[in-house]
Every structure is written in C-alpha cells, then in structure tokens.
Amino acid sequence: MVPLMQPHRSIVLHLHGDSFARRYQVASHAITAAASGAEVLVILWFEGLTRWVNGSFDEPVGADDGAVAERLGVLGLPPPSVMLAEARALGARIAACETAVRLAGLDPDELGAEVDERPGLQEILERELRADLVLYV
C-alpha cells in the first residue's frame, strides 16, 4: 500500500476567506499533510492573517459560521488554531507576504512568532510551481 503523502511531497495552502469553515479546512489539511510527512506551507491573507495574529482565529463570523463552530465543538474536534499550531509543531510553516501584512493593517515588525516566513510574491509563486499540490481556500 502506498502512503497517503510521501515525505518528499509538498503542499501550499492559501487561506483567503474569512469564514470559520475555511479556517478549519486549511488547518485540517495542514495538520493532516504535516502528520503524513509532507512539507507544508500555509500562506495567510487578509482576514485569516489578521485573525491569526490577533488571536481571534477560532471566532466565527455571523450565524452560519457560528453554527459550524458549534457543530465542531459538539463533535469534539479541536479548533482551527489548535490544529494549525500542531501542524507547525510537526514542521508546517506559516507565511504571509509582506504586502499582504500591510494590506491587513498589520505592522510586519510586530508579527513576532505568529508568522514563520515573509516571502515576496515571486518566492511564493516559485514555491507553488515546485509544490505537488496548491490549494486556495
């Protein structure tokens, strides 16, 4: 049987959306891929980036999002921030383009340990071209 992800595989996950469901989806993909030995890069944009940096990554937006977050709790599943932190512990990297950081109204010098890398768009594109899988969520 062939393993789900081979150690030399790489995945780039872009979090563009602001919904709880999208944050959960990216975090669950990140932890699954990292646990399978893949090289994982999670690139945060806009609201996802802001929420990650300011500690509100697990907070739902609106009633529909609240319902998804509630079902997650009922099922006993971990919140997105916990899964993303565990993915990082397994080697996944969190990145944000410096321009995206500024567009999100954040100061690049104040990101601290919340973001592992600040690649430029050219570097992001190069890494996407080398990746086995690129997902925009």
C-alpha atoms as a PDB file:
ATOM      1  CA  MET A   1       0.000   0.000   0.000  1.00  0.00           C
ATOM      2  CA  VAL A   2       1.332   3.457  -0.949  1.00  0.00           C
ATOM      3  CA  PRO A   3       1.311   6.028   1.913  1.00  0.00           C
ATOM      4  CA  LEU A   4      -1.126   8.930   1.553  1.00  0.00           C
ATOM      5  CA  MET A   5       1.666  11.515   1.451  1.00  0.00           C
ATOM      6  CA  GLN A   6       5.283  10.676   0.711  1.00  0.00           C
ATOM      7  CA  PRO A   7       7.903  12.607   2.752  1.00  0.00           C
ATOM      8  CA  HIS A   8       9.201  14.431  -0.309  1.00  0.00           C
ATOM      9  CA  ARG A   9       5.749  15.814  -1.173  1.00  0.00           C
ATOM     10  CA  SER A  10       4.870  19.442  -0.621  1.00  0.00           C
ATOM     11  CA  ILE A  11       1.627  21.329  -0.282  1.00  0.00           C
ATOM     12  CA  VAL A  12       0.936  25.060  -0.316  1.00  0.00           C
ATOM     13  CA  LEU A  13      -2.310  26.149   1.320  1.00  0.00           C
ATOM     14  CA  HIS A  14      -3.622  29.671   0.808  1.00  0.00           C
ATOM     15  CA  LEU A  15      -6.203  30.947   3.276  1.00  0.00           C
ATOM     16  CA  HIS A  16      -8.042  33.775   1.520  1.00  0.00           C
ATOM     17  CA  GLY A  17     -11.513  33.542   3.044  1.00  0.00           C
ATOM     18  CA  ASP A  18     -12.572  34.837   6.401  1.00  0.00           C
ATOM     19  CA  SER A  19     -15.105  32.185   7.408  1.00  0.00           C
ATOM     20  CA  PHE A  20     -14.613  29.775  10.282  1.00  0.00           C
ATOM     21  CA  ALA A  21     -15.248  26.876   7.891  1.00  0.00           C
ATOM     22  CA  ARG A  22     -12.392  27.992   5.617  1.00  0.00           C
ATOM     23  CA  ARG A  23     -10.034  28.429   8.566  1.00  0.00           C
ATOM     24  CA  TYR A  24     -10.978  24.938   9.783  1.00  0.00           C
ATOM     25  CA  GLN A  25     -10.468  23.473   6.295  1.00  0.00           C
ATOM     26  CA  VAL A  26      -6.968  24.924   5.908  1.00  0.00           C
ATOM     27  CA  ALA A  27      -5.952  23.901   9.437  1.00  0.00           C
ATOM     28  CA  SER A  28      -7.248  20.340   8.975  1.00  0.00           C
ATOM     29  CA  HIS A  29      -5.417  19.993   5.646  1.00  0.00           C
ATOM     30  CA  ALA A  30      -2.232  21.399   7.202  1.00  0.00           C
ATOM     31  CA  ILE A  31      -2.170  19.036  10.166  1.00  0.00           C
ATOM     32  CA  THR A  32      -3.079  16.006   8.051  1.00  0.00           C
ATOM     33  CA  ALA A  33      -0.386  16.722   5.472  1.00  0.00           C
ATOM     34  CA  ALA A  34       2.248  17.549   8.107  1.00  0.00           C
ATOM     35  CA  ALA A  35       1.433  14.375  10.054  1.00  0.00           C
ATOM     36  CA  SER A  36       1.859  12.423   6.817  1.00  0.00           C
ATOM     37  CA  GLY A  37       5.367  13.804   6.368  1.00  0.00           C
ATOM     38  CA  ALA A  38       4.670  16.399   3.696  1.00  0.00           C
ATOM     39  CA  GLU A  39       6.344  19.779   3.567  1.00  0.00           C
ATOM     40  CA  VAL A  40       3.515  22.226   4.339  1.00  0.00           C
ATOM     41  CA  LEU A  41       3.388  25.969   3.749  1.00  0.00           C
ATOM     42  CA  VAL A  42       0.274  27.838   4.894  1.00  0.00           C
ATOM     43  CA  ILE A  43       0.010  31.324   3.450  1.00  0.00           C
ATOM     44  CA  LEU A  44      -2.387  33.604   5.292  1.00  0.00           C
ATOM     45  CA  TRP A  45      -4.053  36.527   3.556  1.00  0.00           C
ATOM     46  CA  PHE A  46      -6.295  39.357   4.733  1.00  0.00           C
ATOM     47  CA  GLU A  47      -8.832  38.406   7.411  1.00  0.00           C
ATOM     48  CA  GLY A  48      -7.284  34.989   8.080  1.00  0.00           C
ATOM     49  CA  LEU A  49      -3.921  36.644   8.669  1.00  0.00           C
ATOM     50  CA  THR A  50      -5.399  39.315  10.923  1.00  0.00           C
ATOM     51  CA  ARG A  51      -7.311  36.738  12.964  1.00  0.00           C
ATOM     52  CA  TRP A  52      -4.239  34.504  13.325  1.00  0.00           C
ATOM     53  CA  VAL A  53      -2.060  37.364  14.538  1.00  0.00           C
ATOM     54  CA  ASN A  54      -4.627  38.917  16.903  1.00  0.00           C
ATOM     55  CA  GLY A  55      -5.756  35.634  18.454  1.00  0.00           C
ATOM     56  CA  SER A  56      -9.294  35.504  17.039  1.00  0.00           C
ATOM     57  CA  PHE A  57      -8.689  32.661  14.559  1.00  0.00           C
ATOM     58  CA  ASP A  58     -11.330  30.455  16.193  1.00  0.00           C
ATOM     59  CA  GLU A  59     -14.090  33.051  16.387  1.00  0.00           C
ATOM     60  CA  PRO A  60     -16.991  32.574  13.951  1.00  0.00           C
ATOM     61  CA  VAL A  61     -18.278  35.324  11.679  1.00  0.00           C
ATOM     62  CA  GLY A  62     -22.077  35.514  11.628  1.00  0.00           C
ATOM     63  CA  ALA A  63     -24.797  32.965  12.361  1.00  0.00           C
ATOM     64  CA  ASP A  64     -23.883  30.403   9.686  1.00  0.00           C
ATOM     65  CA  ASP A  65     -20.268  30.398  10.817  1.00  0.00           C
ATOM     66  CA  GLY A  66     -21.404  30.112  14.425  1.00  0.00           C
ATOM     67  CA  ALA A  67     -23.398  27.010  13.577  1.00  0.00           C
ATOM     68  CA  VAL A  68     -20.335  25.373  12.001  1.00  0.00           C
ATOM     69  CA  ALA A  69     -18.207  26.269  15.035  1.00  0.00           C
ATOM     70  CA  GLU A  70     -20.872  24.873  17.352  1.00  0.00           C
ATOM     71  CA  ARG A  71     -21.042  21.567  15.450  1.00  0.00           C
ATOM     72  CA  LEU A  72     -17.259  21.342  15.634  1.00  0.00           C
ATOM     73  CA  GLY A  73     -17.484  21.571  19.419  1.00  0.00           C
ATOM     74  CA  VAL A  74     -20.306  19.022  19.603  1.00  0.00           C
ATOM     75  CA  LEU A  75     -18.196  16.588  17.577  1.00  0.00           C
ATOM     76  CA  GLY A  76     -15.296  17.134  19.961  1.00  0.00           C
ATOM     77  CA  LEU A  77     -12.990  18.371  17.212  1.00  0.00           C
ATOM     78  CA  PRO A  78     -10.163  20.788  18.015  1.00  0.00           C
ATOM     79  CA  PRO A  79     -10.488  24.413  16.935  1.00  0.00           C
ATOM     80  CA  PRO A  80      -8.554  25.591  13.864  1.00  0.00           C
ATOM     81  CA  SER A  81      -5.877  27.418  15.865  1.00  0.00           C
ATOM     82  CA  VAL A  82      -5.015  24.247  17.799  1.00  0.00           C
ATOM     83  CA  MET A  83      -4.738  22.181  14.621  1.00  0.00           C
ATOM     84  CA  LEU A  84      -2.602  24.831  12.936  1.00  0.00           C
ATOM     85  CA  ALA A  85      -0.328  25.060  15.994  1.00  0.00           C
ATOM     86  CA  GLU A  86       0.025  21.263  15.994  1.00  0.00           C
ATOM     87  CA  ALA A  87       0.789  21.324  12.263  1.00  0.00           C
ATOM     88  CA  ARG A  88       3.543  23.864  12.984  1.00  0.00           C
ATOM     89  CA  ALA A  89       4.920  21.582  15.702  1.00  0.00           C
ATOM     90  CA  LEU A  90       5.130  18.886  13.006  1.00  0.00           C
ATOM     91  CA  GLY A  91       7.071  21.197  10.675  1.00  0.00           C
ATOM     92  CA  ALA A  92       4.412  23.176   8.799  1.00  0.00           C
ATOM     93  CA  ARG A  93       5.337  26.812   8.192  1.00  0.00           C
ATOM     94  CA  ILE A  94       3.076  29.860   8.389  1.00  0.00           C
ATOM     95  CA  ALA A  95       3.807  32.588   5.867  1.00  0.00           C
ATOM     96  CA  ALA A  96       2.473  35.975   4.892  1.00  0.00           C
ATOM     97  CA  CYS A  97       3.566  38.168   2.020  1.00  0.00           C
ATOM     98  CA  GLU A  98       4.795  41.489   3.429  1.00  0.00           C
ATOM     99  CA  THR A  99       2.424  43.400   1.174  1.00  0.00           C
ATOM    100  CA  ALA A 100      -0.466  41.262   2.451  1.00  0.00           C
ATOM    101  CA  VAL A 101       0.638  42.034   6.001  1.00  0.00           C
ATOM    102  CA  ARG A 102       0.430  45.751   5.274  1.00  0.00           C
ATOM    103  CA  LEU A 103      -2.892  45.399   3.421  1.00  0.00           C
ATOM    104  CA  ALA A 104      -4.264  43.667   6.522  1.00  0.00           C
ATOM    105  CA  GLY A 105      -3.301  46.755   8.525  1.00  0.00           C
ATOM    106  CA  LEU A 106      -0.568  44.946  10.423  1.00  0.00           C
ATOM    107  CA  ASP A 107       2.997  46.032  11.127  1.00  0.00           C
ATOM    108  CA  PRO A 108       5.461  43.479   9.698  1.00  0.00           C
ATOM    109  CA  ASP A 109       7.841  44.144  12.600  1.00  0.00           C
ATOM    110  CA  GLU A 110       5.182  43.222  15.159  1.00  0.00           C
ATOM    111  CA  LEU A 111       4.254  39.769  13.850  1.00  0.00           C
ATOM    112  CA  GLY A 112       6.554  38.072  16.332  1.00  0.00           C
ATOM    113  CA  ALA A 113       6.468  34.296  16.298  1.00  0.00           C
ATOM    114  CA  GLU A 114       2.991  34.151  14.734  1.00  0.00           C
ATOM    115  CA  VAL A 115       4.426  34.083  11.196  1.00  0.00           C
ATOM    116  CA  ASP A 116       7.450  31.954  10.290  1.00  0.00           C
ATOM    117  CA  GLU A 117       8.200  33.476   6.895  1.00  0.00           C
ATOM    118  CA  ARG A 118       7.513  36.663   4.950  1.00  0.00           C
ATOM    119  CA  PRO A 119       8.249  35.682   1.363  1.00  0.00           C
ATOM    120  CA  GLY A 120       7.684  38.013  -1.524  1.00  0.00           C
ATOM    121  CA  LEU A 121       5.133  37.198  -4.187  1.00  0.00           C
ATOM    122  CA  GLN A 122       7.842  35.954  -6.567  1.00  0.00           C
ATOM    123  CA  GLU A 123       9.076  33.464  -3.959  1.00  0.00           C
ATOM    124  CA  ILE A 124       5.501  32.344  -3.278  1.00  0.00           C
ATOM    125  CA  LEU A 125       4.948  31.726  -6.985  1.00  0.00           C
ATOM    126  CA  GLU A 126       8.208  29.780  -7.265  1.00  0.00           C
ATOM    127  CA  ARG A 127       7.242  27.581  -4.313  1.00  0.00           C
ATOM    128  CA  GLU A 128       3.823  26.966  -5.850  1.00  0.00           C
ATOM    129  CA  LEU A 129       5.450  25.827  -9.080  1.00  0.00           C
ATOM    130  CA  ARG A 130       7.577  23.309  -7.129  1.00  0.00           C
ATOM    131  CA  ALA A 131       4.717  22.106  -4.923  1.00  0.00           C
ATOM    132  CA  ASP A 132       2.833  18.894  -5.571  1.00  0.00           C
ATOM    133  CA  LEU A 133      -0.441  20.494  -4.521  1.00  0.00           C
ATOM    134  CA  VAL A 134      -1.610  24.102  -4.182  1.00  0.00           C
ATOM    135  CA  LEU A 135      -4.997  24.860  -2.647  1.00  0.00           C
ATOM    136  CA  TYR A 136      -6.757  28.213  -2.410  1.00  0.00           C
ATOM    137  CA  VAL A 137      -9.392  28.200   0.314  1.00  0.00           C
END
